Amino acid sequence: MRGARWVRWYMRELTDESAYDRYVAHMRQHNPAARVPSRREFERERTDAREGDPRGGFRCC
């Protein structure tokens, strides 16, 4: 069971699926009164920021 939890943790970190969880924890710790966006809103903002960065190069997909 311990090995399966480690593999799950590792895959979430590798694919950056845990970014939203880290963001929510950060927001709750530093500004508990702030509105926390939904996962969908978070991912949209993150994607827009990544694609809008001129240093990131052109991404077609």
N, C-alpha and C. Protein backbone atom coordinates (compact mmCIF):
# COMPACT_ATOMS: atom_id res chain seq x y z
N MET A 1 0.82 -1.18 0.00
CA MET A 1 0.00 0.00 0.00
C MET A 1 0.88 1.26 0.00
N ARG A 2 1.93 1.25 0.76
CA ARG A 2 2.82 2.40 0.84
C ARG A 2 3.44 2.71 -0.52
N GLY A 3 3.81 1.66 -1.24
CA GLY A 3 4.39 1.83 -2.56
C GLY A 3 3.40 2.44 -3.54
N ALA A 4 2.15 2.02 -3.46
CA ALA A 4 1.12 2.57 -4.35
C ALA A 4 0.89 4.05 -4.06
N ARG A 5 0.90 4.45 -2.79
CA ARG A 5 0.75 5.87 -2.45
C ARG A 5 1.92 6.68 -2.99
N TRP A 6 3.11 6.12 -2.89
CA TRP A 6 4.29 6.82 -3.40
C TRP A 6 4.20 7.00 -4.91
N VAL A 7 3.79 5.96 -5.62
CA VAL A 7 3.65 6.05 -7.08
C VAL A 7 2.60 7.08 -7.45
N ARG A 8 1.48 7.11 -6.73
CA ARG A 8 0.43 8.10 -6.99
C ARG A 8 0.98 9.51 -6.76
N TRP A 9 1.67 9.72 -5.64
CA TRP A 9 2.25 11.03 -5.34
C TRP A 9 3.23 11.43 -6.44
N TYR A 10 4.10 10.50 -6.82
CA TYR A 10 5.12 10.79 -7.83
C TYR A 10 4.48 11.16 -9.17
N MET A 11 3.48 10.44 -9.60
CA MET A 11 2.82 10.74 -10.87
C MET A 11 2.11 12.09 -10.82
N ARG A 12 1.47 12.42 -9.69
CA ARG A 12 0.81 13.72 -9.56
C ARG A 12 1.83 14.85 -9.62
N GLU A 13 2.99 14.66 -9.02
CA GLU A 13 4.03 15.69 -9.06
C GLU A 13 4.66 15.77 -10.46
N LEU A 14 4.86 14.65 -11.08
CA LEU A 14 5.46 14.61 -12.41
C LEU A 14 4.58 15.30 -13.45
N THR A 15 3.29 15.08 -13.38
CA THR A 15 2.36 15.68 -14.34
C THR A 15 1.86 17.04 -13.89
N ASP A 16 2.27 17.47 -12.71
CA ASP A 16 1.89 18.76 -12.11
C ASP A 16 0.39 18.84 -11.83
N GLU A 17 -0.22 17.69 -11.62
CA GLU A 17 -1.63 17.63 -11.28
C GLU A 17 -1.88 18.21 -9.88
N SER A 18 -0.86 18.19 -9.04
CA SER A 18 -1.01 18.67 -7.67
C SER A 18 -0.84 20.19 -7.55
N ALA A 19 -0.64 20.89 -8.66
CA ALA A 19 -0.43 22.34 -8.63
C ALA A 19 -1.64 23.05 -8.01
N TYR A 20 -2.84 22.62 -8.34
CA TYR A 20 -4.04 23.26 -7.80
C TYR A 20 -4.12 23.06 -6.29
N ASP A 21 -3.80 21.87 -5.82
CA ASP A 21 -3.83 21.60 -4.38
C ASP A 21 -2.83 22.48 -3.64
N ARG A 22 -1.64 22.65 -4.21
CA ARG A 22 -0.63 23.53 -3.60
C ARG A 22 -1.11 24.98 -3.61
N TYR A 23 -1.75 25.39 -4.70
CA TYR A 23 -2.25 26.76 -4.81
C TYR A 23 -3.33 27.03 -3.76
N VAL A 24 -4.26 26.11 -3.60
CA VAL A 24 -5.34 26.27 -2.61
C VAL A 24 -4.74 26.35 -1.20
N ALA A 25 -3.80 25.48 -0.89
CA ALA A 25 -3.18 25.50 0.43
C ALA A 25 -2.46 26.82 0.67
N HIS A 26 -1.78 27.32 -0.34
CA HIS A 26 -1.09 28.60 -0.24
C HIS A 26 -2.07 29.74 0.00
N MET A 27 -3.15 29.78 -0.77
CA MET A 27 -4.15 30.83 -0.62
C MET A 27 -4.80 30.79 0.77
N ARG A 28 -5.13 29.61 1.24
CA ARG A 28 -5.78 29.50 2.54
C ARG A 28 -4.84 29.91 3.67
N GLN A 29 -3.55 29.66 3.50
CA GLN A 29 -2.59 30.01 4.54
C GLN A 29 -2.29 31.51 4.55
N HIS A 30 -2.12 32.10 3.38
CA HIS A 30 -1.69 33.50 3.30
C HIS A 30 -2.83 34.50 3.20
N ASN A 31 -3.98 34.10 2.70
CA ASN A 31 -5.10 35.02 2.57
C ASN A 31 -6.41 34.24 2.67
N PRO A 32 -6.78 33.85 3.88
CA PRO A 32 -7.97 33.00 4.05
C PRO A 32 -9.28 33.63 3.57
N ALA A 33 -9.35 34.95 3.51
CA ALA A 33 -10.59 35.60 3.10
C ALA A 33 -10.74 35.69 1.58
N ALA A 34 -9.68 35.42 0.85
CA ALA A 34 -9.73 35.53 -0.61
C ALA A 34 -10.54 34.39 -1.22
N ARG A 35 -11.17 34.69 -2.34
CA ARG A 35 -11.93 33.69 -3.08
C ARG A 35 -10.96 32.77 -3.81
N VAL A 36 -11.14 31.49 -3.64
CA VAL A 36 -10.29 30.50 -4.31
C VAL A 36 -11.01 30.07 -5.58
N PRO A 37 -10.36 30.21 -6.74
CA PRO A 37 -11.02 29.82 -7.98
C PRO A 37 -11.22 28.30 -8.05
N SER A 38 -12.17 27.90 -8.86
CA SER A 38 -12.39 26.47 -9.07
C SER A 38 -11.20 25.90 -9.82
N ARG A 39 -11.11 24.59 -9.86
CA ARG A 39 -9.99 23.96 -10.57
C ARG A 39 -10.02 24.36 -12.05
N ARG A 40 -11.20 24.41 -12.64
CA ARG A 40 -11.33 24.78 -14.05
C ARG A 40 -10.81 26.20 -14.28
N GLU A 41 -11.22 27.13 -13.41
CA GLU A 41 -10.74 28.52 -13.55
C GLU A 41 -9.23 28.60 -13.36
N PHE A 42 -8.72 27.86 -12.39
CA PHE A 42 -7.28 27.84 -12.14
C PHE A 42 -6.52 27.34 -13.37
N GLU A 43 -6.97 26.24 -13.93
CA GLU A 43 -6.29 25.66 -15.10
C GLU A 43 -6.37 26.61 -16.30
N ARG A 44 -7.51 27.27 -16.50
CA ARG A 44 -7.66 28.21 -17.61
C ARG A 44 -6.68 29.37 -17.46
N GLU A 45 -6.61 29.95 -16.25
CA GLU A 45 -5.69 31.06 -16.01
C GLU A 45 -4.25 30.63 -16.20
N ARG A 46 -3.94 29.43 -15.74
CA ARG A 46 -2.58 28.90 -15.86
C ARG A 46 -2.20 28.67 -17.33
N THR A 47 -3.13 28.13 -18.09
CA THR A 47 -2.89 27.90 -19.52
C THR A 47 -2.74 29.21 -20.26
N ASP A 48 -3.61 30.18 -19.97
CA ASP A 48 -3.52 31.48 -20.63
C ASP A 48 -2.19 32.16 -20.33
N ALA A 49 -1.75 32.08 -19.08
CA ALA A 49 -0.47 32.69 -18.70
C ALA A 49 0.69 32.00 -19.41
N ARG A 50 0.63 30.68 -19.51
CA ARG A 50 1.71 29.93 -20.16
C ARG A 50 1.77 30.24 -21.65
N GLU A 51 0.61 30.31 -22.30
CA GLU A 51 0.59 30.57 -23.74
C GLU A 51 0.85 32.03 -24.06
N GLY A 52 0.59 32.93 -23.11
CA GLY A 52 0.82 34.36 -23.34
C GLY A 52 2.25 34.80 -23.08
N ASP A 53 3.07 33.91 -22.54
CA ASP A 53 4.46 34.25 -22.23
C ASP A 53 5.30 34.22 -23.51
N PRO A 54 5.84 35.36 -23.93
CA PRO A 54 6.63 35.37 -25.18
C PRO A 54 7.92 34.56 -25.08
N ARG A 55 8.41 34.33 -23.88
CA ARG A 55 9.65 33.56 -23.73
C ARG A 55 9.40 32.07 -23.91
N GLY A 56 8.14 31.65 -23.81
CA GLY A 56 7.81 30.23 -23.88
C GLY A 56 7.83 29.67 -25.28
N GLY A 57 7.90 30.53 -26.28
CA GLY A 57 7.90 30.03 -27.64
C GLY A 57 6.49 29.73 -28.12
N PHE A 58 6.37 29.29 -29.32
CA PHE A 58 5.07 29.01 -29.93
C PHE A 58 4.63 27.61 -29.58
N ARG A 59 3.40 27.49 -29.10
CA ARG A 59 2.83 26.17 -28.82
C ARG A 59 1.60 26.00 -29.69
N CYS A 60 1.58 25.00 -30.49
CA CYS A 60 0.44 24.80 -31.37
C CYS A 60 -0.64 23.97 -30.68
N CYS A 61 -0.30 23.18 -29.66
CA CYS A 61 -1.31 22.35 -29.02
C CYS A 61 -1.06 22.17 -27.55
